[in-house]
Protein backbone atom coordinates (compact mmCIF):
# COMPACT_ATOMS: atom_id res chain seq x y z
CA MET A 1 0.20 0.07 0.09
CA ASN A 2 1.00 3.27 -0.64
CA PHE A 3 0.87 6.58 1.39
CA TYR A 4 -2.64 7.32 -0.46
CA GLY A 5 -3.90 4.07 0.67
CA GLY A 6 -3.67 2.50 -2.78
CA THR A 7 -1.10 -0.46 -4.02
CA VAL A 8 2.14 0.84 -5.62
CA GLN A 9 2.12 -0.53 -8.94
CA ARG A 10 5.23 -2.99 -9.78
CA LYS A 11 6.04 -0.70 -12.53
CA SER A 12 6.61 2.01 -10.38
CA LEU A 13 8.85 -0.02 -8.06
CA LYS A 14 10.86 -1.16 -10.79
CA SER A 15 11.23 2.37 -11.94
CA LEU A 16 12.63 3.43 -8.00
CA ASP A 17 14.75 0.44 -8.01
CA GLU A 18 16.35 1.21 -11.20
CA LEU A 19 16.86 5.23 -10.55
CA GLU A 20 18.23 3.94 -6.79
CA ALA A 21 20.55 1.70 -8.80
CA SER A 22 21.98 4.28 -11.23
CA TRP A 23 22.28 7.24 -8.57
CA GLU A 24 24.31 4.12 -6.84
CA GLN A 25 26.48 3.82 -9.48
CA LYS A 26 27.07 7.56 -9.81
CA LEU A 27 28.44 7.55 -6.65
CA HIS A 28 30.34 5.07 -6.73
CA GLN A 29 31.86 6.35 -10.26
CA SER A 30 32.38 9.45 -8.66
CA HIS A 31 34.02 7.93 -5.75
CA SER A 32 36.35 6.00 -7.99
CA PHE A 33 37.01 9.45 -9.61
CA TYR A 34 38.18 11.16 -6.60
CA LYS A 35 40.07 8.68 -5.23
CA ARG A 36 42.20 8.40 -8.20
CA ALA A 37 42.20 12.05 -8.11
CA ALA A 38 43.34 11.99 -4.49
CA GLU A 39 46.15 9.83 -5.35
CA GLN A 40 47.59 11.08 -8.30
CA HIS A 41 47.79 14.50 -6.24
CA ARG A 42 49.68 12.76 -3.50
CA ARG A 43 51.82 10.88 -6.25
CA MET A 44 53.09 14.06 -8.02
CA GLU A 45 53.51 15.99 -4.33
CA ALA A 46 56.22 12.99 -3.39
CA GLU A 47 57.65 13.10 -6.99
CA LEU A 48 57.93 17.03 -6.59
CA GLU A 49 59.76 16.33 -2.65
CA ARG A 50 62.37 13.89 -4.60
CA ASN A 51 63.25 16.24 -7.44
CA PRO A 52 63.67 19.81 -6.34
CA ASP A 53 65.11 20.74 -9.63
CA ALA A 54 61.34 20.21 -11.16
CA ARG A 55 59.84 22.92 -8.54
CA ALA A 56 58.89 25.67 -10.92
CA GLU A 57 57.29 23.18 -13.36
CA GLY A 58 55.99 20.67 -10.76
CA ALA A 59 54.23 23.14 -9.02
CA PHE A 60 51.90 24.33 -11.65
CA ALA A 61 51.14 20.57 -11.86
CA VAL A 62 50.59 19.82 -8.46
CA ALA A 63 48.10 22.74 -7.92
CA LYS A 64 46.10 21.18 -11.32
CA ALA A 65 46.09 18.17 -9.33
CA ARG A 66 44.98 19.71 -6.01
CA ARG A 67 42.37 21.16 -8.28
CA LEU A 68 41.08 18.07 -9.90
CA VAL A 69 41.08 16.69 -6.22
CA ALA A 70 38.58 19.51 -5.15
CA ILE A 71 36.18 19.14 -7.99
CA THR A 72 35.96 15.30 -7.98
CA ARG A 73 35.66 15.28 -3.54
CA GLN A 74 32.85 18.06 -4.50
CA GLU A 75 31.00 15.58 -7.14
CA PHE A 76 31.43 12.70 -5.01
CA PHE A 77 30.03 14.61 -1.83
CA GLN A 78 26.82 16.14 -4.00
CA SER A 79 26.56 12.08 -5.18
CA LEU A 80 26.46 10.94 -2.03
CA ARG A 81 23.86 13.59 -0.66
CA VAL A 82 21.60 12.68 -3.31
CA TYR A 83 21.92 9.03 -3.12
CA ALA A 84 21.45 9.30 0.62
CA ASP A 85 18.81 11.82 0.35
CA PHE A 86 16.98 9.28 -2.41
CA VAL A 87 17.48 6.01 -0.38
CA VAL A 88 17.18 7.58 3.44
CA ARG A 89 14.58 10.27 2.92
CA ARG A 90 12.90 8.94 -0.34
CA LYS A 91 13.24 12.95 -1.71
CA ALA A 92 13.37 12.74 -5.69
CA PRO A 93 16.91 13.55 -7.00
CA PRO A 94 17.48 16.28 -9.19
CA THR A 95 17.03 15.78 -12.82
CA THR A 96 19.15 18.61 -13.92
CA MET A 97 22.74 19.84 -13.10
CA SER A 98 21.38 22.78 -11.94
CA GLU A 99 19.07 21.12 -9.56
CA ARG A 100 21.82 18.34 -8.48
CA HIS A 101 24.03 21.96 -7.55
CA ARG A 102 21.52 23.46 -5.56
């Protein structure tokens, strides 16, 4: 039975399951991107420490890598928030990118 006293149709349950699976996949993908970016950043910083002669060029690359970590972390946390809101609170996920970044 749904909130209005009727029965929930199988089609709508399947759609909810598919939507949840889709957002779970997005969550795992964004987490994977974040982990890879963070690992790349750590490797670049370590290389810069070992090779001080490359400091000028390396510092720019490390700064770009740091920015990528920040971007991927933000995307991961946004995906986590949407997924948690949907699974725990049954709040409908956003349908557009502008809604997602609110």
